[in-house]
Amino acid sequence: MPQPYTPLAHTRLSPRATYARPTPPSNRVTMDSPAVEVMTDLQRVTAVTVTAGASIELANQRMIAGGVRLLLVLNEDKNLTGLVTASDILGEKPLQYLRKRGGTFSDVLVYDIMIPQDQLDVLPLSDVLNARVGDIVATLTRFGRQHALVVEQTGGDGMQKVRGIFSATQISRQLGTEVMTAEIATTFAALEAVLGS
């Protein structure tokens, strides 16, 4: 039989009470720091996800609630089918979709504007473990991305698992200086979408 729980003794809060604050890190992250110091490790932090059939309004609410600007898009089997960013939701993609298909903003689903899995470029964890923060910044800048997914192999059959996410916003926060990586179209399809062809 379990032991009964005992209430703790309590006192009143003193008049000049303050509160605990995190100790600032002794070593600020620099461009030469190991890249993993600025990676969101999904083994330590739960990824914020959405289904492809969800409305973009729900996806936007989920981003706001989670304090993120990227959602992993999952199918019914919890497999990754793509990703959607705040730029996708708040940018031109919904308007372009509505011009082609008609309807209202609430009709646009994540599936309609997400970046599909087969178009996602990823970084191997084995390379990231040997990279510096500056290497990641250079990668994001070169490809005009705000985010990069990091994958690890889960077996000999070529299966991959998304292990981490790099975010230009998070890197900027940790460096204490802004990292500028303008989102650019890098495929003909993306260029056509931007140009409205």
N, C-alpha and C. Protein backbone atom coordinates (compact mmCIF):
# COMPACT_ATOMS: atom_id res chain seq x y z
N MET A 1 0.85 -1.18 0.00
CA MET A 1 0.00 0.00 0.00
C MET A 1 0.90 1.24 0.00
N PRO A 2 0.59 2.23 -0.88
CA PRO A 2 1.43 3.43 -0.94
C PRO A 2 1.33 4.25 0.35
N GLN A 3 2.42 4.93 0.64
CA GLN A 3 2.45 5.81 1.81
C GLN A 3 1.60 7.04 1.54
N PRO A 4 0.91 7.57 2.57
CA PRO A 4 0.13 8.79 2.37
C PRO A 4 1.08 9.97 2.13
N TYR A 5 0.62 10.90 1.34
CA TYR A 5 1.42 12.10 1.07
C TYR A 5 1.29 13.07 2.22
N THR A 6 2.37 13.81 2.49
CA THR A 6 2.40 14.75 3.60
C THR A 6 2.46 16.17 3.06
N PRO A 7 1.53 17.04 3.45
CA PRO A 7 1.59 18.44 3.01
C PRO A 7 2.86 19.11 3.55
N LEU A 8 3.43 20.00 2.75
CA LEU A 8 4.62 20.74 3.18
C LEU A 8 4.22 21.95 4.01
N ALA A 9 5.11 22.34 4.91
CA ALA A 9 4.90 23.57 5.70
C ALA A 9 5.05 24.76 4.77
N HIS A 10 4.33 25.83 5.04
CA HIS A 10 4.44 27.01 4.19
C HIS A 10 4.53 28.26 5.05
N THR A 11 5.01 29.34 4.42
CA THR A 11 5.13 30.64 5.09
C THR A 11 4.58 31.70 4.15
N ARG A 12 4.60 32.96 4.61
CA ARG A 12 4.15 34.08 3.77
C ARG A 12 5.34 34.61 2.97
N LEU A 13 5.06 35.14 1.79
CA LEU A 13 6.08 35.74 0.95
C LEU A 13 6.57 37.02 1.61
N SER A 14 7.86 37.21 1.69
CA SER A 14 8.42 38.40 2.33
C SER A 14 8.16 39.64 1.48
N PRO A 15 8.11 40.84 2.09
CA PRO A 15 7.73 42.07 1.38
C PRO A 15 8.68 42.43 0.23
N ARG A 16 9.98 42.18 0.32
CA ARG A 16 10.91 42.58 -0.73
C ARG A 16 11.38 41.37 -1.54
N ALA A 17 10.47 40.45 -1.78
CA ALA A 17 10.83 39.24 -2.53
C ALA A 17 11.15 39.59 -3.99
N THR A 18 12.03 38.84 -4.56
CA THR A 18 12.37 38.99 -5.97
C THR A 18 12.10 37.64 -6.63
N TYR A 19 12.67 37.37 -7.76
CA TYR A 19 12.45 36.08 -8.42
C TYR A 19 13.75 35.62 -9.08
N ALA A 20 13.83 34.34 -9.31
CA ALA A 20 15.03 33.76 -9.91
C ALA A 20 15.08 34.08 -11.39
N ARG A 21 16.27 34.31 -11.88
CA ARG A 21 16.49 34.56 -13.30
C ARG A 21 17.56 33.60 -13.79
N PRO A 22 17.47 33.17 -15.05
CA PRO A 22 18.50 32.27 -15.54
C PRO A 22 19.87 32.94 -15.51
N THR A 23 20.86 32.17 -15.20
CA THR A 23 22.22 32.68 -15.23
C THR A 23 22.63 32.81 -16.68
N PRO A 24 23.12 34.02 -17.08
CA PRO A 24 23.52 34.16 -18.48
C PRO A 24 24.66 33.19 -18.78
N PRO A 25 24.65 32.61 -19.98
CA PRO A 25 25.71 31.68 -20.31
C PRO A 25 27.07 32.36 -20.25
N SER A 26 28.05 31.66 -19.72
CA SER A 26 29.38 32.25 -19.59
C SER A 26 30.04 32.42 -20.95
N ASN A 27 29.74 31.50 -21.86
CA ASN A 27 30.31 31.60 -23.20
C ASN A 27 29.19 31.87 -24.19
N ARG A 28 29.15 33.07 -24.73
CA ARG A 28 28.16 33.41 -25.74
C ARG A 28 28.46 32.60 -27.00
N VAL A 29 27.42 32.22 -27.70
CA VAL A 29 27.60 31.50 -28.95
C VAL A 29 28.24 32.46 -29.96
N THR A 30 29.22 31.96 -30.69
CA THR A 30 29.88 32.74 -31.74
C THR A 30 29.77 31.98 -33.05
N MET A 31 30.22 32.59 -34.11
CA MET A 31 30.20 31.93 -35.42
C MET A 31 31.10 30.69 -35.42
N ASP A 32 32.07 30.64 -34.52
CA ASP A 32 32.98 29.50 -34.45
C ASP A 32 32.52 28.42 -33.47
N SER A 33 31.40 28.64 -32.78
CA SER A 33 30.87 27.64 -31.86
C SER A 33 30.38 26.43 -32.64
N PRO A 34 30.33 25.27 -31.99
CA PRO A 34 29.77 24.09 -32.66
C PRO A 34 28.33 24.33 -33.09
N ALA A 35 27.99 23.89 -34.29
CA ALA A 35 26.66 24.13 -34.86
C ALA A 35 25.55 23.56 -33.99
N VAL A 36 25.82 22.43 -33.32
CA VAL A 36 24.76 21.81 -32.51
C VAL A 36 24.30 22.71 -31.37
N GLU A 37 25.09 23.74 -31.01
CA GLU A 37 24.70 24.65 -29.94
C GLU A 37 23.53 25.55 -30.35
N VAL A 38 23.26 25.66 -31.67
CA VAL A 38 22.13 26.48 -32.12
C VAL A 38 21.05 25.64 -32.81
N MET A 39 21.18 24.32 -32.77
CA MET A 39 20.19 23.43 -33.37
C MET A 39 19.13 23.08 -32.34
N THR A 40 17.87 23.15 -32.75
CA THR A 40 16.79 22.64 -31.93
C THR A 40 16.80 21.13 -32.08
N ASP A 41 17.17 20.43 -31.02
CA ASP A 41 17.31 18.98 -31.05
C ASP A 41 15.95 18.36 -30.71
N LEU A 42 15.36 17.66 -31.67
CA LEU A 42 14.03 17.11 -31.47
C LEU A 42 14.01 15.91 -30.53
N GLN A 43 15.16 15.49 -30.05
CA GLN A 43 15.19 14.49 -28.98
C GLN A 43 15.05 15.16 -27.62
N ARG A 44 15.17 16.49 -27.59
CA ARG A 44 15.05 17.23 -26.34
C ARG A 44 13.85 18.17 -26.32
N VAL A 45 13.41 18.59 -27.49
CA VAL A 45 12.29 19.53 -27.62
C VAL A 45 11.26 18.89 -28.54
N THR A 46 10.02 18.88 -28.14
CA THR A 46 8.96 18.29 -28.96
C THR A 46 8.68 19.18 -30.16
N ALA A 47 8.67 18.57 -31.34
CA ALA A 47 8.37 19.30 -32.57
C ALA A 47 6.91 19.73 -32.56
N VAL A 48 6.63 20.89 -33.11
CA VAL A 48 5.26 21.36 -33.28
C VAL A 48 4.82 20.90 -34.66
N THR A 49 3.71 20.20 -34.73
CA THR A 49 3.26 19.58 -35.98
C THR A 49 1.84 19.98 -36.33
N VAL A 50 1.46 19.64 -37.56
CA VAL A 50 0.11 19.88 -38.05
C VAL A 50 -0.16 18.82 -39.12
N THR A 51 -1.41 18.53 -39.37
CA THR A 51 -1.74 17.60 -40.44
C THR A 51 -1.92 18.38 -41.75
N ALA A 52 -1.71 17.69 -42.87
CA ALA A 52 -1.83 18.33 -44.18
C ALA A 52 -3.24 18.84 -44.43
N GLY A 53 -4.24 18.20 -43.84
CA GLY A 53 -5.63 18.59 -44.06
C GLY A 53 -6.13 19.70 -43.16
N ALA A 54 -5.27 20.23 -42.30
CA ALA A 54 -5.68 21.32 -41.41
C ALA A 54 -5.74 22.63 -42.18
N SER A 55 -6.57 23.55 -41.70
CA SER A 55 -6.63 24.88 -42.32
C SER A 55 -5.36 25.65 -42.00
N ILE A 56 -5.03 26.60 -42.87
CA ILE A 56 -3.84 27.41 -42.58
C ILE A 56 -4.09 28.32 -41.38
N GLU A 57 -5.35 28.61 -41.09
CA GLU A 57 -5.66 29.40 -39.89
C GLU A 57 -5.27 28.61 -38.64
N LEU A 58 -5.61 27.30 -38.61
CA LEU A 58 -5.24 26.46 -37.48
C LEU A 58 -3.72 26.34 -37.39
N ALA A 59 -3.06 26.19 -38.53
CA ALA A 59 -1.60 26.09 -38.54
C ALA A 59 -0.97 27.36 -37.98
N ASN A 60 -1.49 28.51 -38.36
CA ASN A 60 -0.97 29.78 -37.86
C ASN A 60 -1.18 29.88 -36.34
N GLN A 61 -2.35 29.48 -35.86
CA GLN A 61 -2.61 29.48 -34.41
C GLN A 61 -1.65 28.56 -33.68
N ARG A 62 -1.37 27.40 -34.28
CA ARG A 62 -0.45 26.45 -33.66
C ARG A 62 0.97 27.03 -33.59
N MET A 63 1.38 27.76 -34.62
CA MET A 63 2.70 28.42 -34.60
C MET A 63 2.76 29.45 -33.48
N ILE A 64 1.73 30.26 -33.39
CA ILE A 64 1.70 31.30 -32.36
C ILE A 64 1.75 30.67 -30.97
N ALA A 65 0.93 29.65 -30.75
CA ALA A 65 0.88 28.98 -29.44
C ALA A 65 2.22 28.31 -29.11
N GLY A 66 2.88 27.76 -30.12
CA GLY A 66 4.15 27.07 -29.89
C GLY A 66 5.36 27.98 -29.93
N GLY A 67 5.16 29.24 -30.32
CA GLY A 67 6.28 30.17 -30.41
C GLY A 67 7.28 29.78 -31.49
N VAL A 68 6.75 29.22 -32.59
CA VAL A 68 7.62 28.77 -33.69
C VAL A 68 7.15 29.39 -35.00
N ARG A 69 8.00 29.29 -36.01
CA ARG A 69 7.66 29.80 -37.34
C ARG A 69 7.71 28.70 -38.40
N LEU A 70 7.76 27.44 -37.95
CA LEU A 70 7.79 26.29 -38.85
C LEU A 70 7.05 25.14 -38.20
N LEU A 71 6.23 24.46 -38.98
CA LEU A 71 5.53 23.27 -38.50
C LEU A 71 5.90 22.10 -39.41
N LEU A 72 6.16 20.95 -38.81
CA LEU A 72 6.31 19.72 -39.58
C LEU A 72 4.92 19.25 -39.93
N VAL A 73 4.70 18.88 -41.18
CA VAL A 73 3.39 18.43 -41.64
C VAL A 73 3.41 16.90 -41.68
N LEU A 74 2.43 16.30 -41.00
CA LEU A 74 2.37 14.84 -40.87
C LEU A 74 1.13 14.29 -41.56
N ASN A 75 1.23 13.03 -42.00
CA ASN A 75 0.05 12.34 -42.53
C ASN A 75 -0.59 11.54 -41.39
N GLU A 76 -1.58 10.73 -41.72
CA GLU A 76 -2.31 9.97 -40.69
C GLU A 76 -1.41 8.98 -39.96
N ASP A 77 -0.36 8.50 -40.63
CA ASP A 77 0.58 7.54 -40.02
C ASP A 77 1.70 8.21 -39.24
N LYS A 78 1.61 9.53 -39.08
CA LYS A 78 2.63 10.33 -38.37
C LYS A 78 3.95 10.38 -39.12
N ASN A 79 3.91 10.14 -40.44
CA ASN A 79 5.10 10.29 -41.27
C ASN A 79 5.15 11.72 -41.80
N LEU A 80 6.35 12.23 -41.96
CA LEU A 80 6.55 13.60 -42.44
C LEU A 80 6.18 13.68 -43.92
N THR A 81 5.28 14.60 -44.27
CA THR A 81 4.89 14.77 -45.67
C THR A 81 5.31 16.14 -46.19
N GLY A 82 5.84 16.99 -45.32
CA GLY A 82 6.27 18.31 -45.75
C GLY A 82 6.45 19.22 -44.56
N LEU A 83 6.59 20.50 -44.86
CA LEU A 83 6.64 21.50 -43.80
C LEU A 83 5.97 22.76 -44.29
N VAL A 84 5.55 23.56 -43.35
CA VAL A 84 4.92 24.84 -43.66
C VAL A 84 5.51 25.88 -42.72
N THR A 85 5.81 27.05 -43.26
CA THR A 85 6.41 28.11 -42.47
C THR A 85 5.44 29.29 -42.34
N ALA A 86 5.77 30.18 -41.45
CA ALA A 86 4.96 31.40 -41.29
C ALA A 86 4.97 32.19 -42.59
N SER A 87 6.10 32.20 -43.30
CA SER A 87 6.18 32.91 -44.59
C SER A 87 5.23 32.30 -45.60
N ASP A 88 5.07 30.96 -45.57
CA ASP A 88 4.13 30.31 -46.48
C ASP A 88 2.70 30.76 -46.19
N ILE A 89 2.35 30.82 -44.91
CA ILE A 89 0.98 31.14 -44.51
C ILE A 89 0.67 32.62 -44.68
N LEU A 90 1.62 33.47 -44.29
CA LEU A 90 1.37 34.92 -44.29
C LEU A 90 1.82 35.61 -45.56
N GLY A 91 2.46 34.87 -46.46
CA GLY A 91 2.97 35.45 -47.70
C GLY A 91 1.98 35.33 -48.85
N GLU A 92 2.53 35.18 -50.05
CA GLU A 92 1.74 35.17 -51.28
C GLU A 92 1.06 33.84 -51.59
N LYS A 93 1.56 32.74 -51.02
CA LYS A 93 1.04 31.42 -51.41
C LYS A 93 -0.48 31.28 -51.27
N PRO A 94 -1.09 31.68 -50.15
CA PRO A 94 -2.54 31.55 -50.05
C PRO A 94 -3.28 32.38 -51.11
N LEU A 95 -2.79 33.58 -51.40
CA LEU A 95 -3.44 34.43 -52.40
C LEU A 95 -3.32 33.82 -53.79
N GLN A 96 -2.14 33.26 -54.11
CA GLN A 96 -1.96 32.61 -55.40
C GLN A 96 -2.90 31.41 -55.53
N TYR A 97 -3.02 30.66 -54.46
CA TYR A 97 -3.92 29.50 -54.48
C TYR A 97 -5.36 29.95 -54.72
N LEU A 98 -5.78 31.01 -54.03
CA LEU A 98 -7.15 31.49 -54.16
C LEU A 98 -7.42 32.08 -55.54
N ARG A 99 -6.41 32.71 -56.16
CA ARG A 99 -6.58 33.23 -57.52
C ARG A 99 -6.83 32.09 -58.51
N LYS A 100 -6.15 30.96 -58.30
CA LYS A 100 -6.30 29.82 -59.21
C LYS A 100 -7.59 29.04 -58.94
N ARG A 101 -7.90 28.82 -57.66
CA ARG A 101 -9.00 27.92 -57.30
C ARG A 101 -10.28 28.61 -56.84
N GLY A 102 -10.16 29.86 -56.40
CA GLY A 102 -11.31 30.55 -55.85
C GLY A 102 -11.50 30.16 -54.38
N GLY A 103 -12.52 30.73 -53.77
CA GLY A 103 -12.80 30.43 -52.37
C GLY A 103 -12.37 31.56 -51.45
N THR A 104 -12.32 31.24 -50.17
CA THR A 104 -11.91 32.23 -49.18
C THR A 104 -10.68 31.73 -48.44
N PHE A 105 -10.09 32.61 -47.69
CA PHE A 105 -8.87 32.29 -46.94
C PHE A 105 -9.06 31.06 -46.07
N SER A 106 -10.25 30.91 -45.48
CA SER A 106 -10.51 29.77 -44.59
C SER A 106 -10.59 28.45 -45.34
N ASP A 107 -10.68 28.50 -46.68
CA ASP A 107 -10.72 27.28 -47.49
C ASP A 107 -9.32 26.72 -47.76
N VAL A 108 -8.28 27.51 -47.54
CA VAL A 108 -6.93 27.09 -47.88
C VAL A 108 -6.41 26.14 -46.81
N LEU A 109 -5.96 24.98 -47.24
CA LEU A 109 -5.43 23.97 -46.33
C LEU A 109 -3.91 23.98 -46.35
N VAL A 110 -3.31 23.42 -45.32
CA VAL A 110 -1.86 23.32 -45.25
C VAL A 110 -1.33 22.62 -46.49
N TYR A 111 -2.01 21.57 -46.92
CA TYR A 111 -1.60 20.80 -48.10
C TYR A 111 -1.43 21.69 -49.34
N ASP A 112 -2.27 22.72 -49.45
CA ASP A 112 -2.28 23.58 -50.63
C ASP A 112 -1.05 24.48 -50.73
N ILE A 113 -0.39 24.76 -49.62
CA ILE A 113 0.73 25.71 -49.65
C ILE A 113 2.03 25.17 -49.05
N MET A 114 2.00 23.97 -48.50
CA MET A 114 3.19 23.43 -47.83
C MET A 114 4.29 23.11 -48.84
N ILE A 115 5.49 22.96 -48.32
CA ILE A 115 6.61 22.48 -49.12
C ILE A 115 6.58 20.96 -48.98
N PRO A 116 6.32 20.23 -50.07
CA PRO A 116 6.19 18.78 -49.95
C PRO A 116 7.51 18.10 -49.61
N GLN A 117 7.41 16.94 -49.00
CA GLN A 117 8.57 16.17 -48.54
C GLN A 117 9.59 15.96 -49.64
N ASP A 118 9.16 15.70 -50.87
CA ASP A 118 10.12 15.41 -51.94
C ASP A 118 10.86 16.65 -52.44
N GLN A 119 10.52 17.83 -51.92
CA GLN A 119 11.23 19.05 -52.28
C GLN A 119 12.06 19.61 -51.12
N LEU A 120 12.12 18.87 -50.02
CA LEU A 120 12.85 19.36 -48.84
C LEU A 120 14.32 18.98 -48.92
N ASP A 121 15.18 19.99 -48.83
CA ASP A 121 16.61 19.76 -48.72
C ASP A 121 16.94 19.62 -47.24
N VAL A 122 17.78 18.67 -46.91
CA VAL A 122 18.11 18.41 -45.51
C VAL A 122 19.63 18.34 -45.33
N LEU A 123 20.06 18.53 -44.10
CA LEU A 123 21.48 18.43 -43.75
C LEU A 123 21.69 17.16 -42.95
N PRO A 124 22.69 16.35 -43.31
CA PRO A 124 22.97 15.14 -42.53
C PRO A 124 23.54 15.50 -41.15
N LEU A 125 23.05 14.83 -40.12
CA LEU A 125 23.53 15.07 -38.76
C LEU A 125 25.04 14.86 -38.67
N SER A 126 25.56 13.88 -39.41
CA SER A 126 27.00 13.60 -39.36
C SER A 126 27.81 14.82 -39.80
N ASP A 127 27.31 15.59 -40.77
CA ASP A 127 27.99 16.82 -41.20
C ASP A 127 27.82 17.93 -40.17
N VAL A 128 26.61 18.02 -39.61
CA VAL A 128 26.32 19.06 -38.62
C VAL A 128 27.20 18.91 -37.39
N LEU A 129 27.46 17.67 -36.98
CA LEU A 129 28.29 17.44 -35.78
C LEU A 129 29.71 17.97 -35.95
N ASN A 130 30.15 18.15 -37.19
CA ASN A 130 31.49 18.67 -37.45
C ASN A 130 31.48 20.11 -37.94
N ALA A 131 30.31 20.74 -37.95
CA ALA A 131 30.17 22.10 -38.48
C ALA A 131 30.18 23.14 -37.36
N ARG A 132 30.41 24.38 -37.76
CA ARG A 132 30.36 25.51 -36.85
C ARG A 132 29.10 26.33 -37.13
N VAL A 133 28.75 27.20 -36.23
CA VAL A 133 27.58 28.07 -36.41
C VAL A 133 27.71 28.85 -37.72
N GLY A 134 28.90 29.37 -38.01
CA GLY A 134 29.13 30.12 -39.24
C GLY A 134 28.85 29.31 -40.49
N ASP A 135 29.12 28.01 -40.44
CA ASP A 135 28.83 27.13 -41.58
C ASP A 135 27.32 27.05 -41.81
N ILE A 136 26.56 26.99 -40.74
CA ILE A 136 25.10 26.93 -40.86
C ILE A 136 24.56 28.25 -41.39
N VAL A 137 25.08 29.36 -40.87
CA VAL A 137 24.65 30.68 -41.35
C VAL A 137 24.96 30.80 -42.84
N ALA A 138 26.15 30.36 -43.26
CA ALA A 138 26.52 30.41 -44.68
C ALA A 138 25.58 29.55 -45.52
N THR A 139 25.18 28.40 -45.00
CA THR A 139 24.27 27.50 -45.72
C THR A 139 22.90 28.15 -45.87
N LEU A 140 22.36 28.68 -44.78
CA LEU A 140 21.05 29.33 -44.84
C LEU A 140 21.07 30.52 -45.79
N THR A 141 22.15 31.30 -45.72
CA THR A 141 22.28 32.49 -46.57
C THR A 141 22.38 32.11 -48.03
N ARG A 142 23.22 31.12 -48.33
CA ARG A 142 23.43 30.71 -49.73
C ARG A 142 22.14 30.25 -50.38
N PHE A 143 21.33 29.52 -49.63
CA PHE A 143 20.10 28.99 -50.20
C PHE A 143 18.88 29.85 -49.89
N GLY A 144 19.09 31.00 -49.23
CA GLY A 144 17.98 31.91 -48.96
C GLY A 144 16.90 31.31 -48.10
N ARG A 145 17.28 30.59 -47.06
CA ARG A 145 16.34 29.89 -46.20
C ARG A 145 16.36 30.47 -44.79
N GLN A 146 15.21 30.39 -44.14
CA GLN A 146 15.10 30.75 -42.73
C GLN A 146 15.30 29.53 -41.85
N HIS A 147 15.10 28.34 -42.42
CA HIS A 147 15.17 27.09 -41.65
C HIS A 147 15.93 26.03 -42.43
N ALA A 148 16.47 25.09 -41.69
CA ALA A 148 17.08 23.90 -42.30
C ALA A 148 16.78 22.71 -41.40
N LEU A 149 16.39 21.61 -42.01
CA LEU A 149 16.14 20.38 -41.27
C LEU A 149 17.41 19.55 -41.23
N VAL A 150 17.62 18.89 -40.10
CA VAL A 150 18.77 18.01 -39.92
C VAL A 150 18.23 16.59 -39.77
N VAL A 151 18.81 15.65 -40.54
CA VAL A 151 18.34 14.27 -40.49
C VAL A 151 19.46 13.33 -40.08
N GLU A 152 19.04 12.22 -39.48
CA GLU A 152 19.99 11.15 -39.19
C GLU A 152 19.44 9.86 -39.79
N GLN A 153 20.34 8.97 -40.14
CA GLN A 153 19.95 7.67 -40.69
C GLN A 153 19.44 6.81 -39.54
N THR A 154 18.36 6.08 -39.79
CA THR A 154 17.81 5.24 -38.72
C THR A 154 18.03 3.76 -38.98
N GLY A 155 18.79 3.44 -40.00
CA GLY A 155 19.07 2.04 -40.30
C GLY A 155 19.79 1.93 -41.63
N GLY A 156 20.09 0.73 -42.02
CA GLY A 156 20.81 0.51 -43.25
C GLY A 156 19.95 0.61 -44.49
N ASP A 157 18.64 0.80 -44.32
CA ASP A 157 17.73 0.83 -45.47
C ASP A 157 17.52 2.24 -46.02
N GLY A 158 18.32 3.20 -45.57
CA GLY A 158 18.20 4.58 -46.06
C GLY A 158 17.11 5.39 -45.40
N MET A 159 16.44 4.83 -44.41
CA MET A 159 15.40 5.58 -43.70
C MET A 159 16.04 6.73 -42.93
N GLN A 160 15.34 7.86 -42.94
CA GLN A 160 15.82 9.04 -42.23
C GLN A 160 14.82 9.47 -41.18
N LYS A 161 15.36 10.15 -40.17
CA LYS A 161 14.52 10.72 -39.12
C LYS A 161 14.96 12.17 -38.97
N VAL A 162 14.01 13.10 -38.95
CA VAL A 162 14.36 14.50 -38.70
C VAL A 162 14.78 14.60 -37.26
N ARG A 163 16.02 14.98 -37.05
CA ARG A 163 16.59 15.04 -35.71
C ARG A 163 16.63 16.46 -35.15
N GLY A 164 16.72 17.45 -36.06
CA GLY A 164 16.83 18.81 -35.56
C GLY A 164 16.41 19.83 -36.59
N ILE A 165 16.33 21.06 -36.12
CA ILE A 165 15.94 22.19 -36.97
C ILE A 165 16.85 23.36 -36.65
N PHE A 166 17.37 23.99 -37.70
CA PHE A 166 18.07 25.26 -37.54
C PHE A 166 17.10 26.36 -37.94
N SER A 167 17.07 27.42 -37.17
CA SER A 167 16.23 28.58 -37.44
C SER A 167 17.10 29.83 -37.41
N ALA A 168 17.02 30.63 -38.48
CA ALA A 168 17.80 31.87 -38.52
C ALA A 168 17.43 32.78 -37.34
N THR A 169 16.16 32.77 -36.96
CA THR A 169 15.72 33.59 -35.82
C THR A 169 16.38 33.13 -34.53
N GLN A 170 16.41 31.83 -34.30
CA GLN A 170 17.03 31.28 -33.10
C GLN A 170 18.53 31.54 -33.10
N ILE A 171 19.17 31.37 -34.23
CA ILE A 171 20.61 31.63 -34.32
C ILE A 171 20.90 33.09 -34.01
N SER A 172 20.08 34.00 -34.57
CA SER A 172 20.25 35.43 -34.30
C SER A 172 20.14 35.72 -32.81
N ARG A 173 19.15 35.09 -32.17
CA ARG A 173 18.94 35.29 -30.74
C ARG A 173 20.17 34.85 -29.95
N GLN A 174 20.72 33.69 -30.31
CA GLN A 174 21.85 33.16 -29.56
C GLN A 174 23.16 33.89 -29.87
N LEU A 175 23.30 34.41 -31.09
CA LEU A 175 24.50 35.17 -31.44
C LEU A 175 24.45 36.60 -30.89
N GLY A 176 23.22 37.10 -30.69
CA GLY A 176 23.07 38.49 -30.26
C GLY A 176 23.19 39.47 -31.41
N THR A 177 23.08 38.98 -32.63
CA THR A 177 23.12 39.81 -33.83
C THR A 177 22.23 39.19 -34.89
N GLU A 178 21.67 40.02 -35.75
CA GLU A 178 20.71 39.49 -36.73
C GLU A 178 21.40 38.75 -37.86
N VAL A 179 20.85 37.59 -38.18
CA VAL A 179 21.29 36.80 -39.33
C VAL A 179 20.29 37.04 -40.44
N MET A 180 20.75 37.62 -41.53
CA MET A 180 19.86 37.95 -42.65
C MET A 180 19.92 36.86 -43.70
N THR A 181 18.80 36.16 -43.90
CA THR A 181 18.70 35.15 -44.95
C THR A 181 17.37 35.33 -45.64
N ALA A 182 17.34 36.10 -46.71
CA ALA A 182 16.09 36.36 -47.42
C ALA A 182 15.59 35.08 -48.06
N GLU A 183 14.28 34.83 -47.91
CA GLU A 183 13.67 33.67 -48.57
C GLU A 183 13.70 33.93 -50.07
N ILE A 184 14.27 32.99 -50.83
CA ILE A 184 14.31 33.14 -52.28
C ILE A 184 13.74 31.89 -52.93
N ALA A 185 13.27 32.05 -54.14
CA ALA A 185 12.77 30.91 -54.89
C ALA A 185 13.96 30.18 -55.50
N THR A 186 14.05 28.86 -55.27
CA THR A 186 15.20 28.13 -55.77
C THR A 186 14.83 27.04 -56.77
N THR A 187 13.54 26.93 -57.11
CA THR A 187 13.14 25.97 -58.13
C THR A 187 12.31 26.72 -59.15
N PHE A 188 12.20 26.15 -60.35
CA PHE A 188 11.38 26.79 -61.38
C PHE A 188 9.94 26.93 -60.91
N ALA A 189 9.45 25.91 -60.23
CA ALA A 189 8.05 25.95 -59.76
C ALA A 189 7.87 27.10 -58.77
N ALA A 190 8.84 27.25 -57.85
CA ALA A 190 8.75 28.33 -56.88
C ALA A 190 8.87 29.69 -57.56
N LEU A 191 9.74 29.78 -58.57
CA LEU A 191 9.91 31.04 -59.31
C LEU A 191 8.63 31.38 -60.05
N GLU A 192 8.00 30.38 -60.68
CA GLU A 192 6.75 30.62 -61.39
C GLU A 192 5.67 31.10 -60.41
N ALA A 193 5.64 30.49 -59.22
CA ALA A 193 4.64 30.89 -58.22
C ALA A 193 4.86 32.33 -57.81
N VAL A 194 6.12 32.72 -57.62
CA VAL A 194 6.43 34.10 -57.21
C VAL A 194 6.06 35.08 -58.32
N LEU A 195 6.35 34.67 -59.58
CA LEU A 195 6.09 35.56 -60.73
C LEU A 195 4.62 35.55 -61.15
N GLY A 196 3.85 34.61 -60.60
CA GLY A 196 2.43 34.52 -60.92
C GLY A 196 2.15 33.92 -62.28
N SER A 197 3.07 33.09 -62.76
CA SER A 197 2.89 32.47 -64.10
C SER A 197 1.84 31.37 -64.04
